[in-house]
Protein backbone atom coordinates (compact mmCIF):
# COMPACT_ATOMS: atom_id res chain seq x y z
CA MET A 1 -0.04 0.21 -0.16
CA ASN A 2 1.70 3.15 -1.11
CA VAL A 3 0.04 6.46 0.41
CA VAL A 4 0.82 10.06 0.72
CA PHE A 5 -1.08 12.09 3.52
CA LEU A 6 -1.47 15.75 2.40
CA GLY A 7 -2.48 18.81 4.11
CA PRO A 8 -1.34 22.33 5.93
CA PRO A 9 0.90 22.06 8.62
CA GLY A 10 -1.05 21.03 12.10
CA ALA A 11 -3.38 19.35 10.40
CA GLY A 12 -2.53 15.97 12.15
CA LYS A 13 -0.91 14.25 9.52
CA GLY A 14 1.84 12.77 11.29
CA THR A 15 0.15 11.59 14.73
CA GLN A 16 -2.66 10.16 12.48
CA ALA A 17 0.57 8.69 10.01
CA VAL A 18 2.03 7.01 12.98
CA ARG A 19 -0.97 5.04 13.80
CA ILE A 20 -2.62 4.32 10.25
CA SER A 21 1.37 2.95 9.53
CA THR A 22 1.12 0.61 13.01
CA CYS A 23 -2.40 -0.44 11.45
CA TYR A 24 -1.49 -1.56 8.14
CA ARG A 25 2.25 -2.49 8.73
CA ILE A 26 3.90 0.16 6.44
CA PRO A 27 6.46 2.65 7.18
CA HIS A 28 5.74 5.85 8.26
CA ILE A 29 8.09 8.18 6.43
CA ALA A 30 7.63 11.62 7.87
CA THR A 31 10.24 14.40 6.01
CA GLY A 32 9.87 16.95 8.74
CA ASP A 33 11.73 14.21 10.77
CA MET A 34 14.40 13.35 8.20
CA LEU A 35 15.20 16.99 7.16
CA ARG A 36 15.71 17.91 11.29
CA GLU A 37 17.67 14.69 12.02
CA ALA A 38 20.00 15.96 8.56
CA ILE A 39 19.96 19.35 9.92
CA ALA A 40 21.21 17.95 14.04
CA ARG A 41 23.97 15.69 12.12
CA GLY A 42 24.94 18.66 9.78
CA THR A 43 24.52 16.90 6.59
CA GLU A 44 25.95 18.57 3.26
CA LEU A 45 21.30 18.61 2.63
CA GLY A 46 20.73 19.33 6.27
CA LEU A 47 22.77 22.35 6.21
CA LEU A 48 21.19 23.21 2.62
CA ALA A 49 17.78 22.89 4.37
CA ARG A 50 18.45 24.65 8.07
CA SER A 51 18.25 28.07 6.95
CA TYR A 52 14.77 27.65 5.01
CA VAL A 53 13.09 25.40 7.65
CA ASP A 54 14.11 28.15 10.36
CA ARG A 55 12.14 31.00 8.50
CA GLY A 56 9.10 28.76 7.79
CA GLU A 57 9.87 27.99 4.19
CA LEU A 58 9.44 25.30 1.75
CA VAL A 59 12.72 22.95 0.93
CA PRO A 60 13.75 23.35 -2.03
CA ASP A 61 12.22 20.58 -4.05
CA GLU A 62 15.41 18.80 -5.52
CA VAL A 63 16.66 18.45 -1.80
CA MET A 64 13.48 16.84 -0.63
CA LEU A 65 13.63 14.08 -3.83
CA ARG A 66 17.18 12.90 -2.82
CA LEU A 67 15.96 12.36 0.65
CA VAL A 68 12.85 10.59 -0.26
CA GLU A 69 14.60 8.86 -3.15
CA GLY A 70 16.47 7.24 -0.69
CA ARG A 71 14.38 6.44 1.65
CA LEU A 72 12.12 4.51 -0.71
CA GLN A 73 15.04 2.17 -1.87
CA GLU A 74 15.47 1.20 1.60
CA PRO A 75 13.85 -2.62 2.50
CA ASP A 76 11.23 -1.58 4.64
CA ALA A 77 9.49 0.64 2.13
CA GLN A 78 9.94 -1.88 -0.48
CA GLU A 79 6.20 -3.16 0.53
CA GLY A 80 4.46 -0.36 0.83
CA PHE A 81 4.69 3.26 2.34
CA LEU A 82 3.02 6.33 3.66
CA LEU A 83 4.39 9.69 2.49
CA ASP A 84 3.84 12.15 5.33
CA GLY A 85 5.29 15.85 4.09
CA PHE A 86 5.73 15.02 0.68
CA PRO A 87 4.96 15.98 -1.79
CA ARG A 88 4.13 19.56 -1.53
CA THR A 89 4.48 21.00 -4.34
CA LEU A 90 3.75 20.12 -8.33
CA PRO A 91 7.62 19.47 -9.16
CA GLN A 92 8.33 17.10 -6.28
CA ALA A 93 4.71 15.37 -7.01
CA GLU A 94 6.08 14.94 -10.59
CA GLY A 95 9.13 14.07 -9.14
CA LEU A 96 7.43 11.33 -7.02
CA ASP A 97 5.83 9.80 -9.93
CA ALA A 98 8.52 10.11 -12.20
CA LEU A 99 10.29 8.14 -9.07
CA LEU A 100 7.71 5.68 -8.71
CA ASP A 101 7.76 4.71 -12.57
CA ARG A 102 11.39 3.81 -12.29
CA MET A 103 10.25 1.51 -9.44
CA HIS A 104 7.94 0.00 -11.26
CA ARG A 105 5.29 1.18 -8.50
CA ARG A 106 2.18 3.55 -8.10
CA LEU A 107 0.49 6.01 -5.66
CA GLU A 108 -2.99 3.83 -4.77
CA VAL A 109 -4.65 6.97 -2.44
CA VAL A 110 -3.68 10.44 -1.33
CA VAL A 111 -6.03 11.61 1.22
CA PHE A 112 -6.32 15.61 2.38
CA PHE A 113 -6.41 16.31 5.70
CA ARG A 114 -9.33 19.40 5.85
CA VAL A 115 -8.76 21.63 8.82
CA PRO A 116 -10.05 25.50 9.28
CA PRO A 117 -6.92 28.14 9.52
CA GLU A 118 -7.99 29.33 13.26
CA THR A 119 -7.50 25.84 14.52
CA LEU A 120 -4.49 25.31 12.50
CA LEU A 121 -2.71 28.47 14.03
CA ARG A 122 -4.44 27.39 17.65
CA ARG A 123 -2.60 23.56 17.55
CA LEU A 124 0.59 25.23 15.84
CA SER A 125 1.25 27.98 18.54
CA GLY A 126 0.95 25.49 21.58
CA ARG A 127 2.89 22.72 20.56
CA TRP A 128 6.26 21.59 21.98
CA VAL A 129 8.12 18.55 21.56
CA CYS A 130 10.72 16.17 23.32
CA ARG A 131 14.67 16.71 22.27
CA ALA A 132 15.31 13.59 22.79
CA ALA A 133 12.93 11.51 21.15
CA GLY A 134 10.22 13.68 19.24
CA HIS A 135 7.18 13.30 21.37
CA VAL A 136 5.06 15.78 20.85
CA TYR A 137 2.84 18.37 23.22
CA HIS A 138 0.29 20.89 23.29
CA GLU A 139 0.06 23.54 26.20
CA ALA A 140 -4.10 22.74 26.14
CA HIS A 141 -5.01 19.97 24.41
CA HIS A 142 -2.07 17.69 25.34
CA PRO A 143 0.20 19.33 28.55
CA PRO A 144 2.77 17.28 29.44
CA ARG A 145 2.81 16.11 33.53
CA VAL A 146 6.14 18.36 34.66
CA PRO A 147 5.94 21.53 32.46
CA GLY A 148 8.81 21.60 29.88
CA ARG A 149 9.61 17.89 30.50
CA CYS A 150 8.32 14.80 28.17
CA ASP A 151 6.61 12.30 30.36
CA LEU A 152 8.06 9.25 28.40
CA ASP A 153 11.75 9.97 28.66
CA GLY A 154 11.99 13.36 30.65
CA SER A 155 13.94 15.23 28.08
CA GLU A 156 13.73 19.00 27.94
CA LEU A 157 10.55 19.98 26.00
CA TYR A 158 11.60 22.91 23.12
CA GLN A 159 9.52 24.99 20.69
CA ARG A 160 10.61 24.40 17.04
CA PRO A 161 11.53 27.37 14.77
CA ASP A 162 8.63 27.34 12.62
CA ASP A 163 6.34 26.55 15.20
CA ARG A 164 6.44 30.06 16.74
CA PRO A 165 3.79 32.23 16.19
CA GLU A 166 5.78 34.29 13.52
CA ALA A 167 6.56 31.49 11.54
CA VAL A 168 3.20 29.99 11.80
CA ALA A 169 1.36 32.51 9.79
CA ARG A 170 4.70 31.96 6.95
CA ARG A 171 4.10 28.61 6.97
CA LEU A 172 0.28 28.48 6.30
CA GLU A 173 1.13 31.29 3.68
CA VAL A 174 3.68 29.39 2.04
CA TYR A 175 1.77 26.07 1.72
CA GLU A 176 -1.63 27.85 0.47
CA ARG A 177 0.86 29.25 -2.03
CA GLN A 178 2.68 26.13 -2.93
CA THR A 179 0.91 22.99 -1.77
CA ALA A 180 -3.15 23.62 -2.15
CA PRO A 181 -3.04 22.85 -6.15
CA LEU A 182 -2.07 19.18 -5.07
CA VAL A 183 -5.26 18.91 -4.57
CA GLU A 184 -6.71 19.21 -8.35
CA TYR A 185 -3.39 17.69 -9.27
CA TYR A 186 -4.14 14.14 -7.35
CA ARG A 187 -8.17 14.58 -8.15
CA ALA A 188 -7.30 14.66 -11.74
CA ARG A 189 -5.10 11.51 -11.45
CA GLY A 190 -8.14 9.75 -9.34
CA VAL A 191 -6.55 8.72 -6.53
CA PHE A 192 -7.80 11.80 -4.34
CA ARG A 193 -9.58 11.51 -1.20
CA GLU A 194 -10.39 14.19 1.67
CA VAL A 195 -11.12 13.68 5.46
CA ASP A 196 -12.04 15.83 8.33
CA GLY A 197 -9.35 16.03 10.54
CA VAL A 198 -11.22 18.34 13.12
CA GLY A 199 -12.37 15.73 16.09
CA GLY A 200 -10.80 13.24 19.00
CA LEU A 201 -7.91 11.01 18.04
CA GLU A 202 -9.78 7.59 17.47
CA GLU A 203 -12.50 9.71 15.59
CA VAL A 204 -10.38 10.79 12.63
CA THR A 205 -8.47 7.59 12.74
CA ARG A 206 -11.96 5.62 12.07
CA ARG A 207 -12.91 8.11 9.41
CA LEU A 208 -9.20 7.31 7.62
CA CYS A 209 -9.66 3.49 7.98
CA ALA A 210 -13.20 3.93 6.03
CA ILE A 211 -11.29 6.44 3.47
CA LEU A 212 -8.32 3.46 3.01
CA GLY A 213 -10.71 0.72 2.76
CA GLU A 214 -13.17 2.62 0.22
CA ALA A 215 -9.97 3.11 -1.94
CA GLY A 216 -9.32 -0.26 -2.46
CA THR A 217 -6.16 -0.99 -0.12
CA GLY A 218 -7.76 -2.78 2.67
CA ARG A 219 -5.27 -4.14 5.75
CA THR A 220 -2.61 -6.77 5.32
């Protein structure tokens, strides 16, 4: 099963991708995490991407395609994958199509998370992440038991530069300009589906499973 999750920052793609990945036994490929790891390690791609991420802007397409290509060639992605955060632009989508063609594979379903802008702003501005493993908390909806510390590993919580209020507005602006056209791109290809991303965790997961089932993917 080859799946893409689309949607603006803060739509809940990452949270749901973890659940769906476990349920369907396919790797969750989060390009945002891949980028942060490359930045933390100081790789060539990481250094190149850092200034874009810190400003809340999209990383250049050629950089993202290089990261994704390498990941899709790993053994655990041969039976399927769930891409979270990629593609973000039409050239990336076209590049992914070309890559999958070379691998004799295809996307089976692209799910778009629909969430109102005011909800996105509220979600993003309160999000904090642990330094050790990336566990996510929210000031209002999922606060840690001890302020500033991860419940699971005790590591420090921090706010990513691209989650700060001034960067959030920029991220949403960039998304609308460069990523929203992907909806029509995938709609024309017949693989587009839409999910209401507002609601409880289990509720949204049930909606996603219904969509995947309707798309004919089924569980493995």
